[in-house]
Amino acid sequence: MWLILSKAQSKRELAVTNGVFRMRKFLNDQSGATAIEYGLIAAAMAACLLTAMPYITNALVKKFNNIGAALK
């Protein structure tokens, strides 16, 4: 094992290098970004639907009442 290491590197330097490598890998990892984006899109759509639902409901009730009155 010691043959692989150069003279300038010690176990501590390897640990620091390994830690820096892992931190860079963690910061560059974007695998969860897509899930977060989909979550934000779903939340925005839910907010829009909750805002528009009373208007849609009222329009549908009026339309069905008109159809029901016409059928009588």
PDB file of N, CA and C in Angstrom:
ATOM      1  N   MET A   1       0.817  -1.195   0.000  1.00  0.00           N
ATOM      2  CA  MET A   1       0.000   0.000   0.000  1.00  0.00           C
ATOM      3  C   MET A   1       0.855   1.251   0.000  1.00  0.00           C
ATOM      4  N   TRP A   2       1.943   1.232   0.745  1.00  0.00           N
ATOM      5  CA  TRP A   2       2.784   2.423   0.830  1.00  0.00           C
ATOM      6  C   TRP A   2       3.535   2.667  -0.465  1.00  0.00           C
ATOM      7  N   LEU A   3       3.658   1.658  -1.285  1.00  0.00           N
ATOM      8  CA  LEU A   3       4.342   1.844  -2.555  1.00  0.00           C
ATOM      9  C   LEU A   3       3.519   2.696  -3.512  1.00  0.00           C
ATOM     10  N   ILE A   4       2.213   2.653  -3.354  1.00  0.00           N
ATOM     11  CA  ILE A   4       1.327   3.413  -4.228  1.00  0.00           C
ATOM     12  C   ILE A   4       1.380   4.902  -3.877  1.00  0.00           C
ATOM     13  N   LEU A   5       1.539   5.226  -2.626  1.00  0.00           N
ATOM     14  CA  LEU A   5       1.550   6.619  -2.190  1.00  0.00           C
ATOM     15  C   LEU A   5       2.884   7.269  -2.517  1.00  0.00           C
ATOM     16  N   SER A   6       2.837   8.510  -2.929  1.00  0.00           N
ATOM     17  CA  SER A   6       4.080   9.244  -3.130  1.00  0.00           C
ATOM     18  C   SER A   6       4.603   9.695  -1.776  1.00  0.00           C
ATOM     19  N   LYS A   7       5.826  10.151  -1.750  1.00  0.00           N
ATOM     20  CA  LYS A   7       6.447  10.542  -0.490  1.00  0.00           C
ATOM     21  C   LYS A   7       5.754  11.751   0.132  1.00  0.00           C
ATOM     22  N   ALA A   8       5.192  12.633  -0.675  1.00  0.00           N
ATOM     23  CA  ALA A   8       4.589  13.867  -0.165  1.00  0.00           C
ATOM     24  C   ALA A   8       3.217  13.632   0.451  1.00  0.00           C
ATOM     25  N   GLN A   9       2.604  12.528   0.127  1.00  0.00           N
ATOM     26  CA  GLN A   9       1.248  12.292   0.624  1.00  0.00           C
ATOM     27  C   GLN A   9       1.293  11.471   1.900  1.00  0.00           C
ATOM     28  N   SER A  10       0.516  11.876   2.830  1.00  0.00           N
ATOM     29  CA  SER A  10       0.359  11.107   4.058  1.00  0.00           C
ATOM     30  C   SER A  10      -1.090  10.660   4.151  1.00  0.00           C
ATOM     31  N   LYS A  11      -1.404   9.901   5.156  1.00  0.00           N
ATOM     32  CA  LYS A  11      -2.787   9.464   5.334  1.00  0.00           C
ATOM     33  C   LYS A  11      -3.710  10.652   5.538  1.00  0.00           C
ATOM     34  N   ARG A  12      -3.243  11.663   6.233  1.00  0.00           N
ATOM     35  CA  ARG A  12      -4.070  12.847   6.481  1.00  0.00           C
ATOM     36  C   ARG A  12      -4.362  13.584   5.177  1.00  0.00           C
ATOM     37  N   GLU A  13      -3.357  13.752   4.343  1.00  0.00           N
ATOM     38  CA  GLU A  13      -3.570  14.424   3.069  1.00  0.00           C
ATOM     39  C   GLU A  13      -4.538  13.635   2.191  1.00  0.00           C
ATOM     40  N   LEU A  14      -4.436  12.319   2.234  1.00  0.00           N
ATOM     41  CA  LEU A  14      -5.377  11.499   1.476  1.00  0.00           C
ATOM     42  C   LEU A  14      -6.796  11.655   2.001  1.00  0.00           C
ATOM     43  N   ALA A  15      -6.951  11.739   3.309  1.00  0.00           N
ATOM     44  CA  ALA A  15      -8.277  11.921   3.900  1.00  0.00           C
ATOM     45  C   ALA A  15      -8.870  13.263   3.492  1.00  0.00           C
ATOM     46  N   VAL A  16      -8.059  14.315   3.500  1.00  0.00           N
ATOM     47  CA  VAL A  16      -8.536  15.646   3.093  1.00  0.00           C
ATOM     48  C   VAL A  16      -8.906  15.625   1.620  1.00  0.00           C
ATOM     49  N   THR A  17      -8.062  15.019   0.799  1.00  0.00           N
ATOM     50  CA  THR A  17      -8.353  14.930  -0.635  1.00  0.00           C
ATOM     51  C   THR A  17      -9.633  14.142  -0.880  1.00  0.00           C
ATOM     52  N   ASN A  18      -9.805  13.056  -0.162  1.00  0.00           N
ATOM     53  CA  ASN A  18     -11.009  12.250  -0.286  1.00  0.00           C
ATOM     54  C   ASN A  18     -12.241  13.051   0.155  1.00  0.00           C
ATOM     55  N   GLY A  19     -12.108  13.818   1.236  1.00  0.00           N
ATOM     56  CA  GLY A  19     -13.220  14.644   1.714  1.00  0.00           C
ATOM     57  C   GLY A  19     -13.593  15.723   0.716  1.00  0.00           C
ATOM     58  N   VAL A  20     -12.587  16.363   0.128  1.00  0.00           N
ATOM     59  CA  VAL A  20     -12.843  17.402  -0.878  1.00  0.00           C
ATOM     60  C   VAL A  20     -13.518  16.772  -2.100  1.00  0.00           C
ATOM     61  N   PHE A  21     -13.044  15.605  -2.498  1.00  0.00           N
ATOM     62  CA  PHE A  21     -13.661  14.907  -3.632  1.00  0.00           C
ATOM     63  C   PHE A  21     -15.118  14.595  -3.355  1.00  0.00           C
ATOM     64  N   ARG A  22     -15.413  14.086  -2.173  1.00  0.00           N
ATOM     65  CA  ARG A  22     -16.802  13.762  -1.824  1.00  0.00           C
ATOM     66  C   ARG A  22     -17.672  15.009  -1.756  1.00  0.00           C
ATOM     67  N   MET A  23     -17.137  16.122  -1.234  1.00  0.00           N
ATOM     68  CA  MET A  23     -17.906  17.363  -1.153  1.00  0.00           C
ATOM     69  C   MET A  23     -18.211  17.893  -2.554  1.00  0.00           C
ATOM     70  N   ARG A  24     -17.232  17.863  -3.446  1.00  0.00           N
ATOM     71  CA  ARG A  24     -17.473  18.305  -4.821  1.00  0.00           C
ATOM     72  C   ARG A  24     -18.508  17.419  -5.509  1.00  0.00           C
ATOM     73  N   LYS A  25     -18.403  16.117  -5.288  1.00  0.00           N
ATOM     74  CA  LYS A  25     -19.362  15.190  -5.873  1.00  0.00           C
ATOM     75  C   LYS A  25     -20.768  15.478  -5.356  1.00  0.00           C
ATOM     76  N   PHE A  26     -20.896  15.746  -4.057  1.00  0.00           N
ATOM     77  CA  PHE A  26     -22.197  16.057  -3.467  1.00  0.00           C
ATOM     78  C   PHE A  26     -22.766  17.351  -4.034  1.00  0.00           C
ATOM     79  N   LEU A  27     -21.938  18.389  -4.151  1.00  0.00           N
ATOM     80  CA  LEU A  27     -22.415  19.679  -4.647  1.00  0.00           C
ATOM     81  C   LEU A  27     -22.787  19.623  -6.128  1.00  0.00           C
ATOM     82  N   ASN A  28     -22.127  18.770  -6.890  1.00  0.00           N
ATOM     83  CA  ASN A  28     -22.426  18.658  -8.320  1.00  0.00           C
ATOM     84  C   ASN A  28     -23.548  17.679  -8.620  1.00  0.00           C
ATOM     85  N   ASP A  29     -24.011  16.944  -7.623  1.00  0.00           N
ATOM     86  CA  ASP A  29     -25.067  15.956  -7.825  1.00  0.00           C
ATOM     87  C   ASP A  29     -26.401  16.661  -8.026  1.00  0.00           C
ATOM     88  N   GLN A  30     -27.040  16.397  -9.149  1.00  0.00           N
ATOM     89  CA  GLN A  30     -28.329  17.027  -9.447  1.00  0.00           C
ATOM     90  C   GLN A  30     -29.428  15.991  -9.645  1.00  0.00           C
ATOM     91  N   SER A  31     -29.249  14.818  -9.090  1.00  0.00           N
ATOM     92  CA  SER A  31     -30.225  13.759  -9.315  1.00  0.00           C
ATOM     93  C   SER A  31     -31.570  14.063  -8.660  1.00  0.00           C
ATOM     94  N   GLY A  32     -31.608  14.814  -7.583  1.00  0.00           N
ATOM     95  CA  GLY A  32     -32.865  15.143  -6.928  1.00  0.00           C
ATOM     96  C   GLY A  32     -33.515  16.407  -7.448  1.00  0.00           C
ATOM     97  N   ALA A  33     -32.822  17.124  -8.323  1.00  0.00           N
ATOM     98  CA  ALA A  33     -33.345  18.397  -8.821  1.00  0.00           C
ATOM     99  C   ALA A  33     -34.625  18.203  -9.618  1.00  0.00           C
ATOM    100  N   THR A  34     -34.709  17.157 -10.392  1.00  0.00           N
ATOM    101  CA  THR A  34     -35.891  16.923 -11.212  1.00  0.00           C
ATOM    102  C   THR A  34     -37.115  16.670 -10.337  1.00  0.00           C
ATOM    103  N   ALA A  35     -36.943  15.907  -9.282  1.00  0.00           N
ATOM    104  CA  ALA A  35     -38.066  15.627  -8.384  1.00  0.00           C
ATOM    105  C   ALA A  35     -38.551  16.898  -7.716  1.00  0.00           C
ATOM    106  N   ILE A  36     -37.632  17.754  -7.333  1.00  0.00           N
ATOM    107  CA  ILE A  36     -38.016  19.027  -6.709  1.00  0.00           C
ATOM    108  C   ILE A  36     -38.761  19.896  -7.713  1.00  0.00           C
ATOM    109  N   GLU A  37     -38.291  19.926  -8.953  1.00  0.00           N
ATOM    110  CA  GLU A  37     -38.963  20.727  -9.978  1.00  0.00           C
ATOM    111  C   GLU A  37     -40.383  20.222 -10.228  1.00  0.00           C
ATOM    112  N   TYR A  38     -40.542  18.905 -10.302  1.00  0.00           N
ATOM    113  CA  TYR A  38     -41.884  18.352 -10.489  1.00  0.00           C
ATOM    114  C   TYR A  38     -42.776  18.676  -9.295  1.00  0.00           C
ATOM    115  N   GLY A  39     -42.231  18.663  -8.110  1.00  0.00           N
ATOM    116  CA  GLY A  39     -42.998  19.032  -6.920  1.00  0.00           C
ATOM    117  C   GLY A  39     -43.460  20.476  -6.968  1.00  0.00           C
ATOM    118  N   LEU A  40     -42.579  21.360  -7.418  1.00  0.00           N
ATOM    119  CA  LEU A  40     -42.947  22.775  -7.538  1.00  0.00           C
ATOM    120  C   LEU A  40     -44.021  22.983  -8.607  1.00  0.00           C
ATOM    121  N   ILE A  41     -43.902  22.262  -9.705  1.00  0.00           N
ATOM    122  CA  ILE A  41     -44.923  22.371 -10.760  1.00  0.00           C
ATOM    123  C   ILE A  41     -46.269  21.877 -10.246  1.00  0.00           C
ATOM    124  N   ALA A  42     -46.263  20.755  -9.523  1.00  0.00           N
ATOM    125  CA  ALA A  42     -47.516  20.225  -8.966  1.00  0.00           C
ATOM    126  C   ALA A  42     -48.132  21.191  -7.965  1.00  0.00           C
ATOM    127  N   ALA A  43     -47.304  21.830  -7.147  1.00  0.00           N
ATOM    128  CA  ALA A  43     -47.813  22.797  -6.173  1.00  0.00           C
ATOM    129  C   ALA A  43     -48.411  24.009  -6.884  1.00  0.00           C
ATOM    130  N   ALA A  44     -47.775  24.469  -7.950  1.00  0.00           N
ATOM    131  CA  ALA A  44     -48.308  25.616  -8.703  1.00  0.00           C
ATOM    132  C   ALA A  44     -49.636  25.257  -9.369  1.00  0.00           C
ATOM    133  N   MET A  45     -49.716  24.051  -9.932  1.00  0.00           N
ATOM    134  CA  MET A  45     -50.969  23.630 -10.556  1.00  0.00           C
ATOM    135  C   MET A  45     -52.084  23.505  -9.525  1.00  0.00           C
ATOM    136  N   ALA A  46     -51.764  22.985  -8.347  1.00  0.00           N
ATOM    137  CA  ALA A  46     -52.769  22.861  -7.294  1.00  0.00           C
ATOM    138  C   ALA A  46     -53.267  24.233  -6.863  1.00  0.00           C
ATOM    139  N   ALA A  47     -52.364  25.189  -6.742  1.00  0.00           N
ATOM    140  CA  ALA A  47     -52.769  26.540  -6.355  1.00  0.00           C
ATOM    141  C   ALA A  47     -53.678  27.156  -7.422  1.00  0.00           C
ATOM    142  N   CYS A  48     -53.351  26.954  -8.689  1.00  0.00           N
ATOM    143  CA  CYS A  48     -54.195  27.484  -9.766  1.00  0.00           C
ATOM    144  C   CYS A  48     -55.573  26.829  -9.768  1.00  0.00           C
ATOM    145  N   LEU A  49     -55.605  25.520  -9.573  1.00  0.00           N
ATOM    146  CA  LEU A  49     -56.897  24.829  -9.545  1.00  0.00           C
ATOM    147  C   LEU A  49     -57.751  25.268  -8.363  1.00  0.00           C
ATOM    148  N   LEU A  50     -57.137  25.429  -7.208  1.00  0.00           N
ATOM    149  CA  LEU A  50     -57.900  25.878  -6.039  1.00  0.00           C
ATOM    150  C   LEU A  50     -58.437  27.293  -6.226  1.00  0.00           C
ATOM    151  N   THR A  51     -57.695  28.109  -6.949  1.00  0.00           N
ATOM    152  CA  THR A  51     -58.154  29.472  -7.214  1.00  0.00           C
ATOM    153  C   THR A  51     -59.290  29.481  -8.235  1.00  0.00           C
ATOM    154  N   ALA A  52     -59.185  28.656  -9.267  1.00  0.00           N
ATOM    155  CA  ALA A  52     -60.160  28.678 -10.356  1.00  0.00           C
ATOM    156  C   ALA A  52     -61.398  27.827 -10.082  1.00  0.00           C
ATOM    157  N   MET A  53     -61.325  26.903  -9.147  1.00  0.00           N
ATOM    158  CA  MET A  53     -62.418  25.955  -8.931  1.00  0.00           C
ATOM    159  C   MET A  53     -63.766  26.613  -8.604  1.00  0.00           C
ATOM    160  N   PRO A  54     -63.834  27.632  -7.763  1.00  0.00           N
ATOM    161  CA  PRO A  54     -65.156  28.246  -7.502  1.00  0.00           C
ATOM    162  C   PRO A  54     -65.799  28.830  -8.758  1.00  0.00           C
ATOM    163  N   TYR A  55     -65.001  29.428  -9.638  1.00  0.00           N
ATOM    164  CA  TYR A  55     -65.549  30.008 -10.861  1.00  0.00           C
ATOM    165  C   TYR A  55     -66.034  28.915 -11.805  1.00  0.00           C
ATOM    166  N   ILE A  56     -65.270  27.850 -11.919  1.00  0.00           N
ATOM    167  CA  ILE A  56     -65.664  26.733 -12.776  1.00  0.00           C
ATOM    168  C   ILE A  56     -66.925  26.064 -12.240  1.00  0.00           C
ATOM    169  N   THR A  57     -66.981  25.877 -10.938  1.00  0.00           N
ATOM    170  CA  THR A  57     -68.135  25.234 -10.317  1.00  0.00           C
ATOM    171  C   THR A  57     -69.402  26.055 -10.540  1.00  0.00           C
ATOM    172  N   ASN A  58     -69.313  27.356 -10.323  1.00  0.00           N
ATOM    173  CA  ASN A  58     -70.480  28.224 -10.526  1.00  0.00           C
ATOM    174  C   ASN A  58     -70.952  28.201 -11.973  1.00  0.00           C
ATOM    175  N   ALA A  59     -70.030  28.213 -12.911  1.00  0.00           N
ATOM    176  CA  ALA A  59     -70.407  28.186 -14.325  1.00  0.00           C
ATOM    177  C   ALA A  59     -71.072  26.857 -14.676  1.00  0.00           C
ATOM    178  N   LEU A  60     -70.558  25.755 -14.142  1.00  0.00           N
ATOM    179  CA  LEU A  60     -71.163  24.454 -14.428  1.00  0.00           C
ATOM    180  C   LEU A  60     -72.550  24.325 -13.810  1.00  0.00           C
ATOM    181  N   VAL A  61     -72.717  24.833 -12.599  1.00  0.00           N
ATOM    182  CA  VAL A  61     -74.035  24.774 -11.947  1.00  0.00           C
ATOM    183  C   VAL A  61     -75.053  25.565 -12.760  1.00  0.00           C
ATOM    184  N   LYS A  62     -74.687  26.751 -13.213  1.00  0.00           N
ATOM    185  CA  LYS A  62     -75.599  27.557 -14.040  1.00  0.00           C
ATOM    186  C   LYS A  62     -75.940  26.846 -15.337  1.00  0.00           C
ATOM    187  N   LYS A  63     -74.928  26.238 -15.963  1.00  0.00           N
ATOM    188  CA  LYS A  63     -75.153  25.546 -17.238  1.00  0.00           C
ATOM    189  C   LYS A  63     -76.110  24.361 -17.058  1.00  0.00           C
ATOM    190  N   PHE A  64     -75.894  23.566 -16.022  1.00  0.00           N
ATOM    191  CA  PHE A  64     -76.774  22.416 -15.786  1.00  0.00           C
ATOM    192  C   PHE A  64     -78.173  22.853 -15.353  1.00  0.00           C
ATOM    193  N   ASN A  65     -78.275  23.939 -14.615  1.00  0.00           N
ATOM    194  CA  ASN A  65     -79.598  24.457 -14.271  1.00  0.00           C
ATOM    195  C   ASN A  65     -80.356  24.897 -15.514  1.00  0.00           C
ATOM    196  N   ASN A  66     -79.653  25.548 -16.443  1.00  0.00           N
ATOM    197  CA  ASN A  66     -80.291  25.964 -17.712  1.00  0.00           C
ATOM    198  C   ASN A  66     -80.734  24.746 -18.521  1.00  0.00           C
ATOM    199  N   ILE A  67     -79.897  23.714 -18.557  1.00  0.00           N
ATOM    200  CA  ILE A  67     -80.251  22.498 -19.293  1.00  0.00           C
ATOM    201  C   ILE A  67     -81.456  21.813 -18.638  1.00  0.00           C
ATOM    202  N   GLY A  68     -81.447  21.772 -17.299  1.00  0.00           N
ATOM    203  CA  GLY A  68     -82.557  21.159 -16.567  1.00  0.00           C
ATOM    204  C   GLY A  68     -83.857  21.928 -16.775  1.00  0.00           C
ATOM    205  N   ALA A  69     -83.773  23.241 -16.793  1.00  0.00           N
ATOM    206  CA  ALA A  69     -84.977  24.061 -17.027  1.00  0.00           C
ATOM    207  C   ALA A  69     -85.496  23.878 -18.440  1.00  0.00           C
ATOM    208  N   ALA A  70     -84.598  23.725 -19.394  1.00  0.00           N
ATOM    209  CA  ALA A  70     -85.011  23.542 -20.797  1.00  0.00           C
ATOM    210  C   ALA A  70     -85.665  22.184 -21.002  1.00  0.00           C
ATOM    211  N   LEU A  71     -85.283  21.196 -20.231  1.00  0.00           N
ATOM    212  CA  LEU A  71     -85.852  19.851 -20.383  1.00  0.00           C
ATOM    213  C   LEU A  71     -87.220  19.719 -19.740  1.00  0.00           C
ATOM    214  N   LYS A  72     -87.616  20.606 -18.863  1.00  0.00           N
ATOM    215  CA  LYS A  72     -88.908  20.500 -18.176  1.00  0.00           C
ATOM    216  C   LYS A  72     -90.044  20.777 -19.049  1.00  0.00           C
TER     217      LYS A  72
END
